[in-house]
């Protein structure tokens, strides 16, 4: 019995050695050879690469079979690659590029993944697109307001003063 392999979703395969120290297990459309090392089942190609390098492999290191035969674990058939490079090699068409849209703010050329449903690339762009700087007609002070609000004055007191001056009331 290969301890832990069934829990990891591997289907049990045929024994490669009569003593049970090596097994061939089918996983993800490929067959791999598992070998018992210090009482723990390890993929044989990782063990061969570890011996070739003279050090243990980290979990962030993948071993690639050059001739694509997963049962051929000769040292000259194995090469060490990064997970990213390994995925790119075996599945270059796997993830199509997601469609992107442009940020809705004028002057910003940032791209946003279309699946997010966002109009703006950042909170700053959203703020800049929805706010405008205006000048108060009464006191001449520049102020920021929502673009769609149509606010003309910097404050209520300036608006009142302007209305009084229009009506001809001193105040």
C-alpha atoms as a PDB file:
ATOM      1  CA  UNK A   1       0.000   0.000   0.000  1.00  0.00           C
ATOM      2  CA  UNK A   2       1.404   3.391  -0.998  1.00  0.00           C
ATOM      3  CA  UNK A   3       0.780   5.580   2.033  1.00  0.00           C
ATOM      4  CA  UNK A   4      -0.777   8.956   1.264  1.00  0.00           C
ATOM      5  CA  UNK A   5      -1.057   8.540  -2.499  1.00  0.00           C
ATOM      6  CA  UNK A   6      -4.746   7.648  -2.568  1.00  0.00           C
ATOM      7  CA  UNK A   7      -5.530  10.625  -0.295  1.00  0.00           C
ATOM      8  CA  UNK A   8      -3.794  12.883  -2.847  1.00  0.00           C
ATOM      9  CA  UNK A   9      -6.068  11.645  -5.642  1.00  0.00           C
ATOM     10  CA  UNK A  10      -3.692   9.161  -7.304  1.00  0.00           C
ATOM     11  CA  UNK A  11      -5.025   5.913  -8.741  1.00  0.00           C
ATOM     12  CA  UNK A  12      -2.971   2.917  -7.654  1.00  0.00           C
ATOM     13  CA  UNK A  13      -0.905   1.406 -10.450  1.00  0.00           C
ATOM     14  CA  UNK A  14       1.148  -1.681 -11.035  1.00  0.00           C
ATOM     15  CA  UNK A  15       4.230  -2.595  -9.016  1.00  0.00           C
ATOM     16  CA  UNK A  16       7.510  -2.070 -10.863  1.00  0.00           C
ATOM     17  CA  UNK A  17       9.667  -3.990  -8.360  1.00  0.00           C
ATOM     18  CA  UNK A  18       8.630  -7.199  -6.616  1.00  0.00           C
ATOM     19  CA  UNK A  19       9.787  -5.937  -3.205  1.00  0.00           C
ATOM     20  CA  UNK A  20       7.270  -3.060  -3.393  1.00  0.00           C
ATOM     21  CA  UNK A  21       9.907  -0.319  -3.146  1.00  0.00           C
ATOM     22  CA  UNK A  22       8.892   1.135  -6.535  1.00  0.00           C
ATOM     23  CA  UNK A  23       5.422   1.602  -8.053  1.00  0.00           C
ATOM     24  CA  UNK A  24       4.067   3.004 -11.295  1.00  0.00           C
ATOM     25  CA  UNK A  25       1.091   5.278 -10.659  1.00  0.00           C
ATOM     26  CA  UNK A  26      -1.195   6.884 -13.232  1.00  0.00           C
ATOM     27  CA  UNK A  27      -1.916  10.546 -12.520  1.00  0.00           C
ATOM     28  CA  UNK A  28      -3.253  13.390 -14.693  1.00  0.00           C
ATOM     29  CA  UNK A  29      -2.992  11.474 -18.031  1.00  0.00           C
ATOM     30  CA  UNK A  30       0.607  10.402 -17.248  1.00  0.00           C
ATOM     31  CA  UNK A  31       2.285   7.489 -15.519  1.00  0.00           C
ATOM     32  CA  UNK A  32       4.951   8.275 -12.937  1.00  0.00           C
ATOM     33  CA  UNK A  33       7.330   6.032 -11.061  1.00  0.00           C
ATOM     34  CA  UNK A  34       7.214   6.422  -7.283  1.00  0.00           C
ATOM     35  CA  UNK A  35      10.091   5.156  -5.176  1.00  0.00           C
ATOM     36  CA  UNK A  36      10.317   4.573  -1.458  1.00  0.00           C
ATOM     37  CA  UNK A  37      13.134   6.657   0.025  1.00  0.00           C
ATOM     38  CA  UNK A  38      13.688   6.615   3.814  1.00  0.00           C
ATOM     39  CA  UNK A  39      10.182   5.236   4.302  1.00  0.00           C
ATOM     40  CA  UNK A  40       8.552   8.036   2.249  1.00  0.00           C
ATOM     41  CA  UNK A  41       7.136   7.697  -1.280  1.00  0.00           C
ATOM     42  CA  UNK A  42       8.818  10.174  -3.670  1.00  0.00           C
ATOM     43  CA  UNK A  43       8.542  10.697  -7.428  1.00  0.00           C
ATOM     44  CA  UNK A  44      11.542   8.893  -8.907  1.00  0.00           C
ATOM     45  CA  UNK A  45      12.447  11.677 -11.359  1.00  0.00           C
ATOM     46  CA  UNK A  46      12.757  14.126  -8.436  1.00  0.00           C
ATOM     47  CA  UNK A  47      14.966  11.636  -6.591  1.00  0.00           C
ATOM     48  CA  UNK A  48      17.212  11.166  -9.668  1.00  0.00           C
ATOM     49  CA  UNK A  49      17.543  14.953 -10.137  1.00  0.00           C
ATOM     50  CA  UNK A  50      18.293  15.411  -6.445  1.00  0.00           C
ATOM     51  CA  UNK A  51      21.091  12.829  -6.677  1.00  0.00           C
ATOM     52  CA  UNK A  52      22.388  14.433  -9.902  1.00  0.00           C
ATOM     53  CA  UNK A  53      22.591  17.881  -8.246  1.00  0.00           C
ATOM     54  CA  UNK A  54      23.822  16.535  -4.919  1.00  0.00           C
ATOM     55  CA  UNK A  55      21.190  18.427  -2.936  1.00  0.00           C
ATOM     56  CA  UNK A  56      17.499  18.149  -2.076  1.00  0.00           C
ATOM     57  CA  UNK A  57      15.043  19.874  -4.415  1.00  0.00           C
ATOM     58  CA  UNK A  58      12.800  22.650  -3.167  1.00  0.00           C
ATOM     59  CA  UNK A  59       9.062  22.509  -3.797  1.00  0.00           C
ATOM     60  CA  UNK A  60       9.470  25.480  -6.166  1.00  0.00           C
ATOM     61  CA  UNK A  61      11.664  23.432  -8.540  1.00  0.00           C
ATOM     62  CA  UNK A  62      10.088  21.251 -11.225  1.00  0.00           C
ATOM     63  CA  UNK A  63      11.776  18.397 -13.069  1.00  0.00           C
ATOM     64  CA  UNK A  64      10.994  18.234 -16.795  1.00  0.00           C
ATOM     65  CA  UNK A  65      11.321  15.088 -18.925  1.00  0.00           C
ATOM     66  CA  UNK A  66      13.075  16.266 -22.109  1.00  0.00           C
ATOM     67  CA  UNK A  67      11.663  13.484 -24.315  1.00  0.00           C
ATOM     68  CA  UNK A  68       8.183  13.808 -22.698  1.00  0.00           C
ATOM     69  CA  UNK A  69       8.306  10.137 -21.549  1.00  0.00           C
ATOM     70  CA  UNK A  70       7.443  10.282 -17.835  1.00  0.00           C
ATOM     71  CA  UNK A  71       8.746   6.736 -17.285  1.00  0.00           C
ATOM     72  CA  UNK A  72      12.220   7.613 -18.675  1.00  0.00           C
ATOM     73  CA  UNK A  73      14.021   8.857 -15.573  1.00  0.00           C
ATOM     74  CA  UNK A  74      17.597   8.769 -16.859  1.00  0.00           C
ATOM     75  CA  UNK A  75      19.607  11.771 -15.583  1.00  0.00           C
ATOM     76  CA  UNK A  76      20.360  12.938 -19.153  1.00  0.00           C
ATOM     77  CA  UNK A  77      16.603  13.043 -19.895  1.00  0.00           C
ATOM     78  CA  UNK A  78      15.816  15.305 -16.926  1.00  0.00           C
ATOM     79  CA  UNK A  79      16.208  19.052 -16.572  1.00  0.00           C
ATOM     80  CA  UNK A  80      15.370  21.448 -13.744  1.00  0.00           C
ATOM     81  CA  UNK A  81      12.872  24.232 -14.573  1.00  0.00           C
ATOM     82  CA  UNK A  82      10.774  26.817 -12.759  1.00  0.00           C
ATOM     83  CA  UNK A  83       7.051  26.104 -12.299  1.00  0.00           C
ATOM     84  CA  UNK A  84       6.211  29.017 -14.630  1.00  0.00           C
ATOM     85  CA  UNK A  85       8.515  27.771 -17.416  1.00  0.00           C
ATOM     86  CA  UNK A  86       7.186  24.224 -16.991  1.00  0.00           C
ATOM     87  CA  UNK A  87       3.570  25.340 -17.337  1.00  0.00           C
ATOM     88  CA  UNK A  88       4.420  27.531 -20.338  1.00  0.00           C
ATOM     89  CA  UNK A  89       6.130  24.578 -22.031  1.00  0.00           C
ATOM     90  CA  UNK A  90       3.313  22.063 -21.498  1.00  0.00           C
ATOM     91  CA  UNK A  91       0.296  24.348 -21.867  1.00  0.00           C
ATOM     92  CA  UNK A  92       1.139  27.506 -23.832  1.00  0.00           C
ATOM     93  CA  UNK A  93      -2.464  27.881 -25.051  1.00  0.00           C
ATOM     94  CA  UNK A  94      -3.989  26.957 -21.704  1.00  0.00           C
ATOM     95  CA  UNK A  95      -4.938  30.428 -20.494  1.00  0.00           C
ATOM     96  CA  UNK A  96      -6.103  32.789 -23.201  1.00  0.00           C
ATOM     97  CA  UNK A  97      -5.424  36.436 -22.533  1.00  0.00           C
ATOM     98  CA  UNK A  98      -8.380  38.081 -20.886  1.00  0.00           C
ATOM     99  CA  UNK A  99     -10.017  40.912 -22.785  1.00  0.00           C
ATOM    100  CA  UNK A 100      -9.213  44.313 -21.341  1.00  0.00           C
ATOM    101  CA  UNK A 101     -10.877  47.693 -21.506  1.00  0.00           C
ATOM    102  CA  UNK A 102      -9.437  51.181 -21.131  1.00  0.00           C
ATOM    103  CA  UNK A 103      -9.901  53.369 -18.068  1.00  0.00           C
ATOM    104  CA  UNK A 104     -12.900  55.708 -18.541  1.00  0.00           C
ATOM    105  CA  UNK A 105     -10.993  58.826 -17.404  1.00  0.00           C
ATOM    106  CA  UNK A 106      -9.814  61.006 -20.269  1.00  0.00           C
ATOM    107  CA  UNK A 107      -6.045  61.028 -20.542  1.00  0.00           C
ATOM    108  CA  UNK A 108      -5.557  57.711 -18.724  1.00  0.00           C
ATOM    109  CA  UNK A 109      -4.448  54.816 -20.944  1.00  0.00           C
ATOM    110  CA  UNK A 110      -4.443  52.105 -18.260  1.00  0.00           C
ATOM    111  CA  UNK A 111      -5.959  48.728 -19.139  1.00  0.00           C
ATOM    112  CA  UNK A 112      -8.457  46.991 -16.834  1.00  0.00           C
ATOM    113  CA  UNK A 113      -9.482  43.295 -17.080  1.00  0.00           C
ATOM    114  CA  UNK A 114     -12.989  43.330 -18.569  1.00  0.00           C
ATOM    115  CA  UNK A 115     -14.147  40.632 -16.134  1.00  0.00           C
ATOM    116  CA  UNK A 116     -13.872  43.049 -13.171  1.00  0.00           C
ATOM    117  CA  UNK A 117     -16.672  45.265 -14.477  1.00  0.00           C
ATOM    118  CA  UNK A 118     -14.843  48.400 -13.301  1.00  0.00           C
ATOM    119  CA  UNK A 119     -14.820  51.627 -15.308  1.00  0.00           C
ATOM    120  CA  UNK A 120     -11.711  53.139 -13.731  1.00  0.00           C
ATOM    121  CA  UNK A 121      -8.250  51.679 -13.153  1.00  0.00           C
ATOM    122  CA  UNK A 122      -7.894  53.089  -9.625  1.00  0.00           C
ATOM    123  CA  UNK A 123      -9.773  55.071  -6.964  1.00  0.00           C
ATOM    124  CA  UNK A 124      -7.640  58.090  -7.908  1.00  0.00           C
ATOM    125  CA  UNK A 125      -8.754  57.918 -11.565  1.00  0.00           C
ATOM    126  CA  UNK A 126     -12.370  57.550 -10.471  1.00  0.00           C
ATOM    127  CA  UNK A 127     -12.065  60.622  -8.245  1.00  0.00           C
ATOM    128  CA  UNK A 128     -10.353  62.666 -10.981  1.00  0.00           C
ATOM    129  CA  UNK A 129     -13.011  61.667 -13.517  1.00  0.00           C
ATOM    130  CA  UNK A 130     -15.970  62.488 -11.268  1.00  0.00           C
ATOM    131  CA  UNK A 131     -14.685  65.739  -9.767  1.00  0.00           C
ATOM    132  CA  UNK A 132     -13.933  69.072 -11.373  1.00  0.00           C
ATOM    133  CA  UNK A 133     -12.177  72.232 -10.141  1.00  0.00           C
ATOM    134  CA  UNK A 134     -14.326  75.345 -10.431  1.00  0.00           C
ATOM    135  CA  UNK A 135     -13.944  78.970  -9.386  1.00  0.00           C
ATOM    136  CA  UNK A 136     -16.474  80.598  -7.081  1.00  0.00           C
ATOM    137  CA  UNK A 137     -18.077  83.559  -8.959  1.00  0.00           C
ATOM    138  CA  UNK A 138     -18.494  85.480  -5.682  1.00  0.00           C
ATOM    139  CA  UNK A 139     -15.120  85.235  -3.918  1.00  0.00           C
ATOM    140  CA  UNK A 140     -12.928  83.860  -6.764  1.00  0.00           C
ATOM    141  CA  UNK A 141     -11.712  80.882  -4.678  1.00  0.00           C
ATOM    142  CA  UNK A 142     -11.066  77.647  -6.606  1.00  0.00           C
ATOM    143  CA  UNK A 143     -13.015  74.646  -5.213  1.00  0.00           C
ATOM    144  CA  UNK A 144     -13.621  70.993  -6.137  1.00  0.00           C
ATOM    145  CA  UNK A 145     -17.103  69.606  -6.757  1.00  0.00           C
ATOM    146  CA  UNK A 146     -18.764  66.600  -8.336  1.00  0.00           C
ATOM    147  CA  UNK A 147     -18.840  66.970 -12.087  1.00  0.00           C
ATOM    148  CA  UNK A 148     -22.557  66.150 -12.394  1.00  0.00           C
ATOM    149  CA  UNK A 149     -23.726  68.246  -9.419  1.00  0.00           C
ATOM    150  CA  UNK A 150     -23.545  71.653 -11.078  1.00  0.00           C
ATOM    151  CA  UNK A 151     -22.357  73.363  -7.887  1.00  0.00           C
ATOM    152  CA  UNK A 152     -21.473  76.992  -8.689  1.00  0.00           C
ATOM    153  CA  UNK A 153     -20.245  78.347  -5.348  1.00  0.00           C
ATOM    154  CA  UNK A 154     -17.567  77.230  -2.898  1.00  0.00           C
ATOM    155  CA  UNK A 155     -19.945  77.525   0.075  1.00  0.00           C
ATOM    156  CA  UNK A 156     -23.527  78.313   1.036  1.00  0.00           C
ATOM    157  CA  UNK A 157     -22.494  81.701   2.429  1.00  0.00           C
ATOM    158  CA  UNK A 158     -21.030  82.732  -0.964  1.00  0.00           C
ATOM    159  CA  UNK A 159     -24.197  81.521  -2.711  1.00  0.00           C
ATOM    160  CA  UNK A 160     -26.375  83.610  -0.318  1.00  0.00           C
ATOM    161  CA  UNK A 161     -24.204  86.691  -0.736  1.00  0.00           C
ATOM    162  CA  UNK A 162     -24.388  86.345  -4.510  1.00  0.00           C
ATOM    163  CA  UNK A 163     -28.193  85.924  -4.447  1.00  0.00           C
ATOM    164  CA  UNK A 164     -28.580  88.994  -2.188  1.00  0.00           C
ATOM    165  CA  UNK A 165     -26.394  91.090  -4.489  1.00  0.00           C
ATOM    166  CA  UNK A 166     -28.464  89.990  -7.500  1.00  0.00           C
ATOM    167  CA  UNK A 167     -31.697  90.979  -5.736  1.00  0.00           C
ATOM    168  CA  UNK A 168     -30.161  94.246  -4.628  1.00  0.00           C
ATOM    169  CA  UNK A 169     -30.263  93.451  -0.909  1.00  0.00           C
ATOM    170  CA  UNK A 170     -27.242  94.555   1.180  1.00  0.00           C
ATOM    171  CA  UNK A 171     -25.930  92.051   3.630  1.00  0.00           C
END
